[in-house]
Amino acid sequence: MGPRTQALPGNVGPDLSEIATLGRTDQWLFNYVFDPRVYNPQSVMPPWGKHGFYNEAEIRDIVAFLKTLKTPAKFADPLDDPAKRPMPIEDRDALDPFVNPAADRIEIGAALFKQPGANGQACVSCHATPAASFKRWAVEMPKWEARLTKVLGVEEFIARHAKATTGADVPMQSPGNNDLSIYLHSLANGETIKVDLSSPEMKAAYERGVKLSELKVGQFDFACIDCHQQAANKWIRGQWLGEPKGQFDHFPLWRTSRNQIWDIRKRFQWCNVQVRANELPPDAVEYGELELYLRKMNEGLVLTAPNIRH
């Protein structure tokens, strides 16, 4: 935005530095800020007025500001130019516990696997050779569970199966569930992700997941594909928007910005919060189908979990 451009601007939207020279009327600019879908139904710009971010007087002030922008932006630092800013590369040693606190949980998860539950049974009671039994299990999840008529991911399976077989109470996103998930994912590290959609139920669930990825929600009116397809490989301020492939081969992980272990469902919940929508519970049917869609988009990649991300 010309000489007032802040540090690390994004490039999802067009450069507005010289918008006042384009001949747009005040009414056109007002309408576009109020609700860009009037001119572009596929816009990834939030409907700032229609969804109540700004009132009409505030939008008129925004238009007045835009009409002053007549000179190109000048970047004090080359990294401020989003067209020249290099794509971030994650090169930390994700399996070093001194670097990644989630890696420290592998041993804790392994101990939980051997720990008897309320009925005296442990996971190892049935799965005596977990390294062999679970070599590919995590990379072939999620799967359809006919008894529940829904897709189950690793974490929901752990919560339900542990309760039913050992009496252990490890609800989704609890420390115990996270630790077991990290351990079981670590056993499949280096394996190639492969999702089986051969059953009619899995195929239908995947197709619903695709539709959910296209569904605009929240005050921002965003869909998954708005950020990770239409605006993929671009910057939104200082954050890089990756494409769907590469978004799921490293979960569960340690979020350095939150100092927390996150599974993929926590990521979905946080996306809902960021677009100002209501997040769903981690075992929501919709999240299972989104997880299936995203896992399929990551098919062919090698699992590297637990990983670390900002």
Protein backbone atom coordinates (compact mmCIF):
# COMPACT_ATOMS: atom_id res chain seq x y z
CA MET A 1 0.00 0.00 0.00
CA GLY A 2 2.53 2.54 -1.18
CA PRO A 3 4.73 4.36 1.35
CA ARG A 4 2.56 3.10 4.25
CA THR A 5 3.18 -0.57 3.47
CA GLN A 6 3.89 -2.48 6.66
CA ALA A 7 6.62 -5.11 7.06
CA LEU A 8 6.11 -8.54 5.46
CA PRO A 9 3.03 -7.79 3.32
CA GLY A 10 1.32 -10.67 1.56
CA ASN A 11 0.59 -11.27 -2.10
CA VAL A 12 -2.69 -13.21 -2.01
CA GLY A 13 -4.45 -10.02 -3.07
CA PRO A 14 -3.25 -7.55 -5.70
CA ASP A 15 -0.78 -4.76 -4.94
CA LEU A 16 -2.86 -1.67 -4.09
CA SER A 17 0.04 0.80 -4.18
CA GLU A 18 -1.26 2.53 -7.31
CA ILE A 19 -4.96 1.67 -7.16
CA ALA A 20 -5.92 5.37 -7.25
CA THR A 21 -4.53 5.59 -10.80
CA LEU A 22 -6.77 2.81 -12.17
CA GLY A 23 -9.87 4.96 -12.62
CA ARG A 24 -12.12 3.07 -10.22
CA THR A 25 -15.06 5.07 -8.91
CA ASP A 26 -15.72 5.59 -5.23
CA GLN A 27 -18.86 3.48 -5.57
CA TRP A 28 -16.96 0.60 -7.22
CA LEU A 29 -14.33 0.61 -4.47
CA PHE A 30 -17.01 0.81 -1.76
CA ASN A 31 -18.90 -2.14 -3.25
CA TYR A 32 -15.74 -4.23 -3.58
CA VAL A 33 -14.71 -3.65 0.03
CA PHE A 34 -18.27 -4.19 1.27
CA ASP A 35 -18.62 -7.52 -0.54
CA PRO A 36 -16.19 -8.48 -3.35
CA ARG A 37 -18.46 -11.36 -4.39
CA VAL A 38 -20.62 -8.78 -6.21
CA TYR A 39 -17.87 -8.59 -8.84
CA ASN A 40 -16.05 -11.89 -8.29
CA PRO A 41 -18.05 -14.80 -6.81
CA GLN A 42 -14.83 -16.80 -6.32
CA SER A 43 -12.98 -14.04 -4.49
CA VAL A 44 -10.89 -15.03 -1.47
CA MET A 45 -11.26 -11.51 -0.07
CA PRO A 46 -13.54 -11.43 2.99
CA PRO A 47 -16.87 -9.57 2.66
CA TRP A 48 -15.71 -6.84 5.04
CA GLY A 49 -19.00 -4.95 5.13
CA LYS A 50 -21.50 -7.71 4.46
CA HIS A 51 -20.16 -9.83 7.33
CA GLY A 52 -19.88 -6.99 9.78
CA PHE A 53 -16.17 -6.29 10.06
CA TYR A 54 -16.63 -2.62 9.10
CA ASN A 55 -19.64 -0.32 9.04
CA GLU A 56 -20.43 1.92 6.07
CA ALA A 57 -18.67 4.96 7.52
CA GLU A 58 -15.50 2.93 8.05
CA ILE A 59 -15.62 1.60 4.50
CA ARG A 60 -15.95 5.16 3.18
CA ASP A 61 -12.80 5.99 5.14
CA ILE A 62 -11.05 3.00 3.57
CA VAL A 63 -12.10 4.19 0.10
CA ALA A 64 -10.78 7.67 0.86
CA PHE A 65 -7.45 6.13 1.83
CA LEU A 66 -7.31 3.95 -1.29
CA LYS A 67 -7.85 7.04 -3.46
CA THR A 68 -4.56 8.45 -2.11
CA LEU A 69 -2.46 5.50 -3.29
CA LYS A 70 -0.64 6.59 -6.45
CA THR A 71 3.00 5.56 -6.01
CA PRO A 72 4.60 2.09 -6.08
CA ALA A 73 5.52 0.43 -2.83
CA LYS A 74 9.16 0.73 -1.82
CA PHE A 75 10.53 -2.03 0.38
CA ALA A 76 13.11 -1.10 2.98
CA ASP A 77 14.13 -4.75 3.24
CA PRO A 78 14.20 -7.16 0.25
CA LEU A 79 12.41 -9.75 2.40
CA ASP A 80 9.44 -7.37 2.61
CA ASP A 81 8.78 -7.93 -1.10
CA PRO A 82 6.52 -11.02 -1.21
CA ALA A 83 7.46 -11.67 -4.84
CA LYS A 84 11.13 -12.08 -3.85
CA ARG A 85 10.75 -13.55 -0.37
CA PRO A 86 12.05 -17.15 -0.37
CA MET A 87 9.69 -19.99 0.50
CA PRO A 88 10.27 -21.18 4.09
CA ILE A 89 12.13 -24.48 4.43
CA GLU A 90 11.80 -26.65 7.55
CA ASP A 91 15.28 -28.09 8.15
CA ARG A 92 15.29 -28.71 11.89
CA ASP A 93 15.99 -32.25 13.11
CA ALA A 94 12.44 -33.25 13.98
CA LEU A 95 13.47 -36.43 15.81
CA ASP A 96 15.93 -34.67 18.12
CA PRO A 97 14.16 -34.28 21.51
CA PHE A 98 16.33 -31.22 22.24
CA VAL A 99 14.88 -29.57 19.12
CA ASN A 100 11.40 -31.08 19.01
CA PRO A 101 9.62 -31.71 22.35
CA ALA A 102 7.16 -34.01 20.53
CA ALA A 103 9.99 -36.44 19.77
CA ASP A 104 10.51 -36.82 23.50
CA ARG A 105 7.01 -38.30 23.71
CA ILE A 106 7.83 -41.36 21.59
CA GLU A 107 9.28 -43.23 24.56
CA ILE A 108 6.40 -42.10 26.77
CA GLY A 109 3.91 -43.41 24.20
CA ALA A 110 5.81 -46.70 24.03
CA ALA A 111 5.53 -47.01 27.82
CA LEU A 112 1.78 -46.30 27.68
CA PHE A 113 1.45 -49.04 25.06
CA LYS A 114 2.70 -51.51 27.69
CA GLN A 115 0.82 -50.02 30.63
CA PRO A 116 -2.22 -52.03 31.84
CA GLY A 117 -5.57 -50.28 31.76
CA ALA A 118 -8.45 -50.47 34.22
CA ASN A 119 -9.17 -54.12 33.35
CA GLY A 120 -5.54 -55.23 33.61
CA GLN A 121 -4.99 -55.51 29.87
CA ALA A 122 -2.52 -53.40 27.87
CA CYS A 123 -2.15 -52.69 24.16
CA VAL A 124 0.85 -55.04 24.11
CA SER A 125 -1.37 -57.85 25.42
CA CYS A 126 -2.76 -58.24 21.92
CA HIS A 127 -0.04 -56.50 19.89
CA ALA A 128 3.12 -58.20 21.12
CA THR A 129 5.28 -56.97 18.23
CA PRO A 130 4.15 -53.40 17.60
CA ALA A 131 7.10 -52.51 15.34
CA ALA A 132 5.89 -55.16 12.89
CA SER A 133 2.14 -54.86 13.50
CA PHE A 134 2.06 -51.07 13.08
CA LYS A 135 4.74 -50.64 10.43
CA ARG A 136 2.17 -49.27 7.94
CA TRP A 137 -0.93 -48.76 10.08
CA ALA A 138 -0.66 -44.98 10.52
CA VAL A 139 -0.01 -44.29 6.82
CA GLU A 140 -3.13 -46.25 5.83
CA MET A 141 -5.45 -44.36 8.17
CA PRO A 142 -8.12 -42.98 8.35
CA LYS A 143 -10.52 -45.80 7.63
CA TRP A 144 -14.27 -46.35 7.51
CA GLU A 145 -15.82 -47.82 10.65
CA ALA A 146 -19.11 -49.46 9.67
CA ARG A 147 -20.36 -49.81 13.26
CA LEU A 148 -20.16 -46.05 13.72
CA THR A 149 -20.90 -45.15 10.08
CA LYS A 150 -18.02 -42.67 10.05
CA VAL A 151 -14.36 -42.27 9.20
CA LEU A 152 -11.95 -42.91 12.09
CA GLY A 153 -8.49 -41.37 12.21
CA VAL A 154 -5.62 -42.59 14.36
CA GLU A 155 -6.48 -40.48 17.39
CA GLU A 156 -10.17 -41.35 17.51
CA PHE A 157 -9.35 -45.01 16.98
CA ILE A 158 -6.93 -44.88 19.94
CA ALA A 159 -9.56 -43.25 22.18
CA ARG A 160 -12.29 -45.75 21.32
CA HIS A 161 -10.21 -48.92 21.04
CA ALA A 162 -8.24 -48.34 24.24
CA LYS A 163 -11.45 -47.82 26.22
CA ALA A 164 -13.07 -50.93 24.76
CA THR A 165 -10.09 -53.27 25.15
CA THR A 166 -8.05 -52.08 28.15
CA GLY A 167 -10.44 -49.74 29.93
CA ALA A 168 -7.93 -46.89 29.55
CA ASP A 169 -9.42 -43.41 29.29
CA VAL A 170 -7.40 -41.50 26.66
CA PRO A 171 -9.80 -39.05 24.97
CA MET A 172 -8.75 -37.27 21.80
CA GLN A 173 -6.26 -34.42 22.31
CA SER A 174 -5.46 -35.58 25.86
CA PRO A 175 -1.75 -36.03 26.71
CA GLY A 176 -2.09 -39.82 26.73
CA ASN A 177 -3.81 -39.89 23.35
CA ASN A 178 -1.18 -37.56 21.86
CA ASP A 179 1.63 -39.73 23.24
CA LEU A 180 0.16 -42.97 21.88
CA SER A 181 -0.50 -41.33 18.52
CA ILE A 182 3.07 -40.05 18.31
CA TYR A 183 4.44 -43.50 19.18
CA LEU A 184 2.27 -45.32 16.62
CA HIS A 185 3.07 -42.75 13.94
CA SER A 186 6.77 -43.10 14.67
CA LEU A 187 6.55 -46.84 13.93
CA ALA A 188 5.40 -45.97 10.40
CA ASN A 189 8.02 -43.30 9.82
CA GLY A 190 9.57 -43.57 6.38
CA GLU A 191 6.55 -45.43 4.98
CA THR A 192 4.64 -44.10 1.97
CA ILE A 193 1.13 -42.77 2.57
CA LYS A 194 -1.53 -44.86 0.83
CA VAL A 195 -5.29 -44.54 1.33
CA ASP A 196 -7.68 -47.27 0.16
CA LEU A 197 -10.86 -45.87 -1.40
CA SER A 198 -11.99 -49.15 -2.92
CA SER A 199 -15.08 -49.52 -0.72
CA PRO A 200 -18.22 -47.53 -1.64
CA GLU A 201 -18.34 -46.08 1.88
CA MET A 202 -14.77 -44.75 1.74
CA LYS A 203 -15.24 -43.35 -1.74
CA ALA A 204 -18.43 -41.55 -0.68
CA ALA A 205 -16.76 -40.21 2.48
CA TYR A 206 -13.82 -38.92 0.43
CA GLU A 207 -16.16 -37.16 -1.98
CA ARG A 208 -17.92 -35.51 0.95
CA GLY A 209 -14.51 -34.44 2.22
CA VAL A 210 -13.78 -32.81 -1.12
CA LYS A 211 -17.05 -30.88 -0.88
CA LEU A 212 -16.22 -29.82 2.68
CA SER A 213 -12.85 -28.51 1.50
CA GLU A 214 -14.75 -26.25 -0.91
CA LEU A 215 -17.31 -25.02 1.64
CA LYS A 216 -16.94 -21.37 2.66
CA VAL A 217 -17.50 -20.84 6.40
CA GLY A 218 -17.11 -18.22 9.09
CA GLN A 219 -17.05 -14.46 9.14
CA PHE A 220 -14.09 -14.49 6.76
CA ASP A 221 -16.08 -16.64 4.31
CA PHE A 222 -13.11 -18.92 3.66
CA ALA A 223 -12.91 -22.50 2.40
CA CYS A 224 -9.90 -24.79 2.77
CA ILE A 225 -9.16 -24.46 -0.94
CA ASP A 226 -9.24 -20.65 -0.79
CA CYS A 227 -5.97 -20.67 1.14
CA HIS A 228 -4.47 -23.98 0.06
CA GLN A 229 -5.43 -24.08 -3.62
CA GLN A 230 -6.51 -20.73 -5.00
CA ALA A 231 -3.98 -18.79 -2.90
CA ALA A 232 -1.49 -21.64 -2.48
CA ASN A 233 2.24 -20.90 -2.64
CA LYS A 234 1.68 -17.27 -1.72
CA TRP A 235 2.13 -15.17 1.39
CA ILE A 236 -0.54 -13.92 3.77
CA ARG A 237 1.53 -11.40 5.71
CA GLY A 238 4.52 -13.43 6.94
CA GLN A 239 2.79 -16.80 6.69
CA TRP A 240 3.31 -19.13 3.72
CA LEU A 241 0.19 -20.82 2.34
CA GLY A 242 1.12 -24.32 1.23
CA GLU A 243 -0.85 -26.48 -1.17
CA PRO A 244 -2.79 -29.52 0.14
CA LYS A 245 -0.02 -31.96 -0.74
CA GLY A 246 2.53 -31.59 2.02
CA GLN A 247 0.04 -30.56 4.71
CA PHE A 248 -0.45 -33.95 6.38
CA ASP A 249 2.72 -36.04 6.10
CA HIS A 250 4.19 -34.57 9.31
CA PHE A 251 1.32 -34.83 11.85
CA PRO A 252 1.18 -35.12 14.81
CA LEU A 253 3.65 -32.33 15.49
CA TRP A 254 4.97 -29.71 17.89
CA ARG A 255 3.70 -26.16 17.27
CA THR A 256 6.48 -23.86 18.42
CA SER A 257 4.18 -20.84 18.26
CA ARG A 258 1.74 -22.48 20.71
CA ASN A 259 4.08 -24.75 22.72
CA GLN A 260 1.67 -27.60 22.13
CA ILE A 261 1.40 -30.99 20.46
CA TRP A 262 -1.21 -30.93 17.71
CA ASP A 263 -2.92 -33.72 15.85
CA ILE A 264 -4.56 -33.02 12.50
CA ARG A 265 -7.97 -32.46 14.09
CA LYS A 266 -6.48 -29.67 16.25
CA ARG A 267 -5.23 -28.09 13.03
CA PHE A 268 -8.77 -28.23 11.60
CA GLN A 269 -10.18 -26.65 14.75
CA TRP A 270 -7.64 -23.85 14.65
CA CYS A 271 -8.43 -23.14 10.99
CA ASN A 272 -12.07 -22.75 12.01
CA VAL A 273 -11.05 -20.28 14.72
CA GLN A 274 -8.85 -18.32 12.31
CA VAL A 275 -11.69 -17.82 9.81
CA ARG A 276 -14.00 -16.87 12.70
CA ALA A 277 -16.18 -19.97 12.45
CA ASN A 278 -17.25 -22.31 15.24
CA GLU A 279 -14.80 -25.18 15.65
CA LEU A 280 -16.25 -28.69 15.89
CA PRO A 281 -15.38 -31.36 18.49
CA PRO A 282 -12.33 -33.41 17.45
CA ASP A 283 -14.42 -36.52 16.72
CA ALA A 284 -16.82 -34.66 14.39
CA VAL A 285 -17.91 -36.60 11.30
CA GLU A 286 -16.93 -33.63 9.14
CA TYR A 287 -13.37 -33.62 10.45
CA GLY A 288 -13.05 -37.33 9.70
CA GLU A 289 -14.06 -36.76 6.11
CA LEU A 290 -11.77 -33.74 5.79
CA GLU A 291 -8.95 -35.84 7.21
CA LEU A 292 -9.62 -38.52 4.60
CA TYR A 293 -9.59 -35.92 1.81
CA LEU A 294 -6.34 -34.38 3.02
CA ARG A 295 -4.65 -37.75 3.58
CA LYS A 296 -5.57 -38.73 0.02
CA MET A 297 -4.07 -35.45 -1.23
CA ASN A 298 -0.83 -36.47 0.52
CA GLU A 299 -0.75 -39.96 -0.95
CA GLY A 300 2.70 -40.93 -2.16
CA LEU A 301 4.54 -38.80 0.39
CA VAL A 302 6.64 -40.36 3.13
CA LEU A 303 5.50 -40.03 6.75
CA THR A 304 7.86 -37.92 8.90
CA ALA A 305 6.24 -37.71 12.33
CA PRO A 306 6.29 -36.35 14.91
CA ASN A 307 7.50 -33.22 13.20
CA ILE A 308 7.87 -29.59 14.16
CA ARG A 309 6.30 -26.45 12.72
CA HIS A 310 6.00 -22.84 13.74
